[in-house]
Amino acid sequence: GPRVFVTRSPCVKSSDGQLLPSVVSRPEAMSEETWQWLCSLPFGAIMFSSRGSTPMPAILADGDLDGDWYFVCWDAALLESVRPRPPAAGDVNEAAAEKEAAVAQRPRREDGGWFASAQ
């Protein structure tokens, strides 16, 4: 399915950025009201799961949720250049990390969205 690249500053190691799944349709467990609210946001929202042993913000350049700003890229042309790296010894299992995080993104507009049209 669709993916996004997520990181925060400073992003100095290849593991500081992650390709994460993008949610573009309402999950069964989410209320219609909540989904409509998410879809009303200009660029969607990023949500990190509280499940798992290592929170995704900690994987992203040792981030946390105390005001860090995250960079999220969904531009297909840029994502073509992003390649997942094989996990190194001591890294969080990439498959487990993918299950622990998902990004809710507003359904893409036909014009490609803000980033694709920025000059």
N, C-alpha and C. Protein backbone atom coordinates (compact mmCIF):
# COMPACT_ATOMS: atom_id res chain seq x y z
N GLY A 1 0.81 -1.19 0.00
CA GLY A 1 0.00 0.00 0.00
C GLY A 1 0.85 1.25 0.00
N PRO A 2 0.22 2.40 0.07
CA PRO A 2 0.96 3.66 0.06
C PRO A 2 1.85 3.80 1.29
N ARG A 3 2.98 4.44 1.09
CA ARG A 3 3.92 4.64 2.19
C ARG A 3 4.35 6.10 2.23
N VAL A 4 4.87 6.50 3.38
CA VAL A 4 5.41 7.84 3.57
C VAL A 4 6.77 7.70 4.23
N PHE A 5 7.61 8.72 4.02
CA PHE A 5 8.91 8.77 4.70
C PHE A 5 8.75 9.72 5.87
N VAL A 6 9.16 9.29 7.07
CA VAL A 6 9.02 10.10 8.28
C VAL A 6 10.37 10.20 8.97
N THR A 7 10.73 11.42 9.38
CA THR A 7 11.95 11.64 10.15
C THR A 7 11.77 12.89 11.00
N ARG A 8 12.78 13.22 11.76
CA ARG A 8 12.82 14.46 12.52
C ARG A 8 14.26 14.94 12.51
N SER A 9 14.49 16.17 12.88
CA SER A 9 15.83 16.74 12.88
C SER A 9 16.46 16.57 14.25
N PRO A 10 17.74 16.21 14.32
CA PRO A 10 18.64 15.95 13.21
C PRO A 10 18.52 14.51 12.71
N CYS A 11 18.50 14.35 11.42
CA CYS A 11 18.45 13.02 10.79
C CYS A 11 19.84 12.76 10.23
N VAL A 12 20.69 12.08 11.01
CA VAL A 12 22.09 11.89 10.61
C VAL A 12 22.42 10.43 10.28
N LYS A 13 21.64 9.49 10.81
CA LYS A 13 21.86 8.08 10.50
C LYS A 13 20.75 7.61 9.57
N SER A 14 21.04 6.59 8.77
CA SER A 14 20.01 6.09 7.86
C SER A 14 18.80 5.56 8.62
N SER A 15 18.98 5.11 9.85
CA SER A 15 17.86 4.60 10.64
C SER A 15 17.02 5.73 11.24
N ASP A 16 17.46 6.99 11.12
CA ASP A 16 16.70 8.12 11.68
C ASP A 16 15.46 8.45 10.86
N GLY A 17 15.35 7.90 9.67
CA GLY A 17 14.17 8.07 8.84
C GLY A 17 13.59 6.70 8.54
N GLN A 18 12.28 6.62 8.45
CA GLN A 18 11.62 5.34 8.21
C GLN A 18 10.54 5.48 7.16
N LEU A 19 10.40 4.44 6.32
CA LEU A 19 9.25 4.33 5.43
C LEU A 19 8.15 3.66 6.23
N LEU A 20 7.00 4.31 6.33
CA LEU A 20 5.90 3.78 7.13
C LEU A 20 4.65 3.66 6.28
N PRO A 21 3.77 2.74 6.65
CA PRO A 21 2.52 2.61 5.89
C PRO A 21 1.63 3.83 6.09
N SER A 22 0.89 4.15 5.06
CA SER A 22 -0.03 5.28 5.10
C SER A 22 -1.45 4.75 5.07
N VAL A 23 -2.27 5.25 5.96
CA VAL A 23 -3.67 4.84 6.04
C VAL A 23 -4.49 5.85 5.24
N VAL A 24 -5.13 5.39 4.17
CA VAL A 24 -5.89 6.31 3.32
C VAL A 24 -7.38 5.97 3.28
N SER A 25 -7.79 4.98 4.06
CA SER A 25 -9.21 4.69 4.21
C SER A 25 -9.48 4.41 5.69
N ARG A 26 -10.69 4.62 6.10
CA ARG A 26 -11.04 4.53 7.52
C ARG A 26 -10.86 3.11 8.04
N PRO A 27 -10.03 2.93 9.09
CA PRO A 27 -9.91 1.62 9.73
C PRO A 27 -11.24 1.24 10.37
N GLU A 28 -11.55 -0.04 10.37
CA GLU A 28 -12.84 -0.51 10.91
C GLU A 28 -13.07 -0.05 12.34
N ALA A 29 -12.01 -0.01 13.16
CA ALA A 29 -12.16 0.34 14.57
C ALA A 29 -12.32 1.84 14.81
N MET A 30 -12.14 2.66 13.78
CA MET A 30 -12.23 4.11 13.93
C MET A 30 -13.65 4.58 13.63
N SER A 31 -14.16 5.49 14.44
CA SER A 31 -15.50 6.01 14.21
C SER A 31 -15.51 6.87 12.95
N GLU A 32 -16.66 6.94 12.33
CA GLU A 32 -16.83 7.78 11.14
C GLU A 32 -16.56 9.25 11.49
N GLU A 33 -16.98 9.66 12.68
CA GLU A 33 -16.77 11.05 13.12
C GLU A 33 -15.28 11.37 13.22
N THR A 34 -14.51 10.47 13.81
CA THR A 34 -13.06 10.69 13.92
C THR A 34 -12.41 10.71 12.54
N TRP A 35 -12.82 9.80 11.67
CA TRP A 35 -12.25 9.76 10.31
C TRP A 35 -12.56 11.06 9.57
N GLN A 36 -13.78 11.56 9.68
CA GLN A 36 -14.15 12.81 9.01
C GLN A 36 -13.33 13.98 9.54
N TRP A 37 -13.07 13.98 10.85
CA TRP A 37 -12.22 15.03 11.44
C TRP A 37 -10.82 14.96 10.85
N LEU A 38 -10.23 13.76 10.76
CA LEU A 38 -8.89 13.61 10.18
C LEU A 38 -8.87 14.10 8.73
N CYS A 39 -9.91 13.73 7.98
CA CYS A 39 -9.97 14.13 6.57
C CYS A 39 -10.16 15.63 6.41
N SER A 40 -10.65 16.31 7.44
CA SER A 40 -10.85 17.76 7.36
C SER A 40 -9.55 18.53 7.59
N LEU A 41 -8.52 17.88 8.12
CA LEU A 41 -7.25 18.55 8.36
C LEU A 41 -6.55 18.82 7.03
N PRO A 42 -5.82 19.93 6.91
CA PRO A 42 -5.20 20.28 5.63
C PRO A 42 -4.24 19.20 5.10
N PHE A 43 -3.47 18.56 5.99
CA PHE A 43 -2.49 17.58 5.53
C PHE A 43 -2.63 16.25 6.23
N GLY A 44 -3.73 16.00 6.93
CA GLY A 44 -3.88 14.74 7.66
C GLY A 44 -3.21 14.84 9.01
N ALA A 45 -2.77 13.72 9.53
CA ALA A 45 -2.13 13.69 10.84
C ALA A 45 -1.19 12.50 10.90
N ILE A 46 -0.23 12.59 11.78
CA ILE A 46 0.64 11.45 12.03
C ILE A 46 0.32 10.95 13.43
N MET A 47 0.14 9.65 13.53
CA MET A 47 -0.18 9.03 14.82
C MET A 47 0.76 7.86 15.02
N PHE A 48 1.33 7.79 16.21
CA PHE A 48 2.22 6.70 16.54
C PHE A 48 1.52 5.76 17.50
N SER A 49 1.64 4.47 17.26
CA SER A 49 1.04 3.47 18.12
C SER A 49 1.72 3.45 19.48
N SER A 50 0.97 3.09 20.49
CA SER A 50 1.56 2.93 21.83
C SER A 50 1.93 1.46 22.08
N ARG A 51 1.74 0.61 21.09
CA ARG A 51 2.09 -0.81 21.21
C ARG A 51 3.54 -1.04 20.84
N GLY A 52 4.08 -2.13 21.34
CA GLY A 52 5.45 -2.49 20.99
C GLY A 52 6.44 -2.07 22.05
N SER A 53 7.64 -2.61 21.93
CA SER A 53 8.66 -2.35 22.94
C SER A 53 9.42 -1.06 22.71
N THR A 54 9.54 -0.62 21.45
CA THR A 54 10.27 0.61 21.14
C THR A 54 9.34 1.56 20.40
N PRO A 55 9.01 2.71 21.00
CA PRO A 55 8.12 3.65 20.31
C PRO A 55 8.77 4.18 19.03
N MET A 56 7.97 4.34 17.98
CA MET A 56 8.49 4.84 16.70
C MET A 56 9.20 6.19 16.87
N PRO A 57 8.70 7.14 17.68
CA PRO A 57 9.45 8.40 17.82
C PRO A 57 10.89 8.17 18.31
N ALA A 58 11.13 7.18 19.14
CA ALA A 58 12.48 6.90 19.61
C ALA A 58 13.36 6.37 18.48
N ILE A 59 12.77 5.66 17.53
CA ILE A 59 13.52 5.14 16.39
C ILE A 59 13.91 6.28 15.45
N LEU A 60 13.07 7.30 15.38
CA LEU A 60 13.29 8.44 14.48
C LEU A 60 14.22 9.46 15.15
N ALA A 61 15.52 9.23 15.07
CA ALA A 61 16.52 10.15 15.60
C ALA A 61 16.32 10.42 17.09
N ASP A 62 16.00 9.37 17.84
CA ASP A 62 15.81 9.48 19.29
C ASP A 62 14.78 10.54 19.67
N GLY A 63 13.72 10.64 18.89
CA GLY A 63 12.67 11.62 19.15
C GLY A 63 11.73 11.19 20.26
N ASP A 64 10.83 12.07 20.59
CA ASP A 64 9.79 11.80 21.58
C ASP A 64 8.58 12.66 21.21
N LEU A 65 7.65 12.76 22.10
CA LEU A 65 6.41 13.49 21.80
C LEU A 65 6.26 14.74 22.66
N ASP A 66 7.37 15.37 23.00
CA ASP A 66 7.29 16.57 23.85
C ASP A 66 7.42 17.86 23.04
N GLY A 67 6.98 17.83 21.80
CA GLY A 67 7.05 19.03 20.97
C GLY A 67 7.92 18.88 19.75
N ASP A 68 8.50 17.69 19.53
CA ASP A 68 9.31 17.48 18.34
C ASP A 68 8.46 17.71 17.09
N TRP A 69 9.08 18.23 16.06
CA TRP A 69 8.43 18.40 14.77
C TRP A 69 8.93 17.30 13.86
N TYR A 70 8.03 16.64 13.19
CA TYR A 70 8.38 15.53 12.31
C TYR A 70 8.19 15.95 10.86
N PHE A 71 9.08 15.47 10.00
CA PHE A 71 8.99 15.69 8.56
C PHE A 71 8.33 14.45 7.96
N VAL A 72 7.26 14.65 7.21
CA VAL A 72 6.54 13.56 6.56
C VAL A 72 6.48 13.86 5.07
N CYS A 73 6.97 12.94 4.25
CA CYS A 73 6.98 13.13 2.80
C CYS A 73 6.17 12.02 2.15
N TRP A 74 5.19 12.40 1.32
CA TRP A 74 4.41 11.42 0.58
C TRP A 74 4.51 11.63 -0.92
N ASP A 75 5.41 12.49 -1.36
CA ASP A 75 5.59 12.76 -2.78
C ASP A 75 6.18 11.52 -3.46
N ALA A 76 5.43 10.93 -4.38
CA ALA A 76 5.85 9.68 -5.03
C ALA A 76 7.19 9.81 -5.74
N ALA A 77 7.44 10.96 -6.37
CA ALA A 77 8.70 11.15 -7.09
C ALA A 77 9.89 11.11 -6.13
N LEU A 78 9.75 11.70 -4.96
CA LEU A 78 10.84 11.66 -3.98
C LEU A 78 10.97 10.28 -3.35
N LEU A 79 9.84 9.64 -3.07
CA LEU A 79 9.88 8.33 -2.41
C LEU A 79 10.51 7.26 -3.29
N GLU A 80 10.52 7.46 -4.61
CA GLU A 80 11.17 6.50 -5.50
C GLU A 80 12.65 6.37 -5.17
N SER A 81 13.26 7.41 -4.61
CA SER A 81 14.68 7.40 -4.27
C SER A 81 14.97 6.84 -2.89
N VAL A 82 13.95 6.65 -2.07
CA VAL A 82 14.14 6.16 -0.70
C VAL A 82 14.13 4.65 -0.72
N ARG A 83 15.18 4.05 -0.22
CA ARG A 83 15.29 2.59 -0.16
C ARG A 83 15.45 2.15 1.28
N PRO A 84 14.61 1.20 1.72
CA PRO A 84 14.80 0.68 3.09
C PRO A 84 16.17 0.02 3.19
N ARG A 85 16.80 0.18 4.31
CA ARG A 85 18.10 -0.48 4.52
C ARG A 85 17.86 -1.72 5.36
N PRO A 86 18.68 -2.75 5.16
CA PRO A 86 18.53 -3.93 6.00
C PRO A 86 18.85 -3.59 7.45
N PRO A 87 18.11 -4.13 8.42
CA PRO A 87 18.41 -3.84 9.82
C PRO A 87 19.81 -4.31 10.20
N ALA A 88 20.52 -3.49 10.95
CA ALA A 88 21.85 -3.85 11.46
C ALA A 88 21.68 -4.54 12.81
N ALA A 89 22.73 -5.19 13.27
CA ALA A 89 22.69 -5.84 14.58
C ALA A 89 22.31 -4.82 15.64
N GLY A 90 21.36 -5.15 16.48
CA GLY A 90 20.93 -4.25 17.54
C GLY A 90 19.80 -3.32 17.15
N ASP A 91 19.47 -3.25 15.85
CA ASP A 91 18.36 -2.41 15.39
C ASP A 91 17.04 -3.06 15.76
N VAL A 92 16.03 -2.24 15.87
CA VAL A 92 14.67 -2.74 16.06
C VAL A 92 14.28 -3.46 14.78
N ASN A 93 13.66 -4.61 14.89
CA ASN A 93 13.22 -5.37 13.74
C ASN A 93 12.32 -4.49 12.87
N GLU A 94 12.67 -4.33 11.60
CA GLU A 94 11.93 -3.44 10.71
C GLU A 94 10.47 -3.85 10.57
N ALA A 95 10.20 -5.14 10.50
CA ALA A 95 8.81 -5.60 10.38
C ALA A 95 8.03 -5.24 11.63
N ALA A 96 8.65 -5.38 12.79
CA ALA A 96 7.97 -5.03 14.04
C ALA A 96 7.73 -3.53 14.09
N ALA A 97 8.71 -2.74 13.65
CA ALA A 97 8.56 -1.29 13.66
C ALA A 97 7.41 -0.88 12.76
N GLU A 98 7.27 -1.54 11.61
CA GLU A 98 6.19 -1.20 10.68
C GLU A 98 4.83 -1.49 11.31
N LYS A 99 4.73 -2.57 12.06
CA LYS A 99 3.47 -2.90 12.71
C LYS A 99 3.15 -1.93 13.84
N GLU A 100 4.18 -1.31 14.43
CA GLU A 100 3.98 -0.43 15.58
C GLU A 100 3.61 0.98 15.17
N ALA A 101 3.70 1.31 13.91
CA ALA A 101 3.42 2.69 13.50
C ALA A 101 2.64 2.70 12.21
N ALA A 102 1.79 3.64 12.11
CA ALA A 102 1.07 3.88 10.86
C ALA A 102 0.81 5.36 10.76
N VAL A 103 0.72 5.85 9.58
CA VAL A 103 0.51 7.26 9.36
C VAL A 103 -0.87 7.43 8.74
N ALA A 104 -1.67 8.26 9.34
CA ALA A 104 -2.98 8.58 8.76
C ALA A 104 -2.80 9.79 7.88
N GLN A 105 -3.09 9.64 6.64
CA GLN A 105 -2.90 10.73 5.69
C GLN A 105 -4.23 11.03 5.01
N ARG A 106 -4.51 12.27 4.90
CA ARG A 106 -5.73 12.67 4.19
C ARG A 106 -5.65 12.08 2.78
N PRO A 107 -6.74 11.56 2.26
CA PRO A 107 -6.71 11.03 0.89
C PRO A 107 -6.13 12.08 -0.07
N ARG A 108 -5.24 11.62 -0.93
CA ARG A 108 -4.50 12.52 -1.83
C ARG A 108 -5.44 13.22 -2.81
N ARG A 109 -5.20 14.50 -2.98
CA ARG A 109 -5.96 15.26 -3.98
C ARG A 109 -5.42 14.93 -5.36
N GLU A 110 -6.23 15.16 -6.37
CA GLU A 110 -5.82 14.85 -7.74
C GLU A 110 -4.62 15.67 -8.18
N ASP A 111 -4.44 16.88 -7.63
CA ASP A 111 -3.31 17.71 -8.03
C ASP A 111 -2.01 17.28 -7.35
N GLY A 112 -2.05 16.23 -6.54
CA GLY A 112 -0.83 15.73 -5.92
C GLY A 112 -0.57 16.30 -4.54
N GLY A 113 -1.33 17.29 -4.11
CA GLY A 113 -1.13 17.84 -2.78
C GLY A 113 -0.15 19.00 -2.78
N TRP A 114 0.02 19.57 -1.62
CA TRP A 114 0.82 20.79 -1.45
C TRP A 114 2.28 20.60 -1.83
N PHE A 115 2.93 19.53 -1.31
CA PHE A 115 4.35 19.37 -1.56
C PHE A 115 4.65 19.17 -3.04
N ALA A 116 3.82 18.41 -3.73
CA ALA A 116 4.06 18.15 -5.13
C ALA A 116 3.93 19.41 -5.97
N SER A 117 3.12 20.36 -5.52
CA SER A 117 2.90 21.56 -6.33
C SER A 117 3.70 22.76 -5.85
N ALA A 118 4.46 22.60 -4.76
CA ALA A 118 5.26 23.73 -4.26
C ALA A 118 6.38 24.06 -5.23
N GLN A 119 6.67 25.34 -5.41
CA GLN A 119 7.73 25.76 -6.33
C GLN A 119 8.92 26.26 -5.56
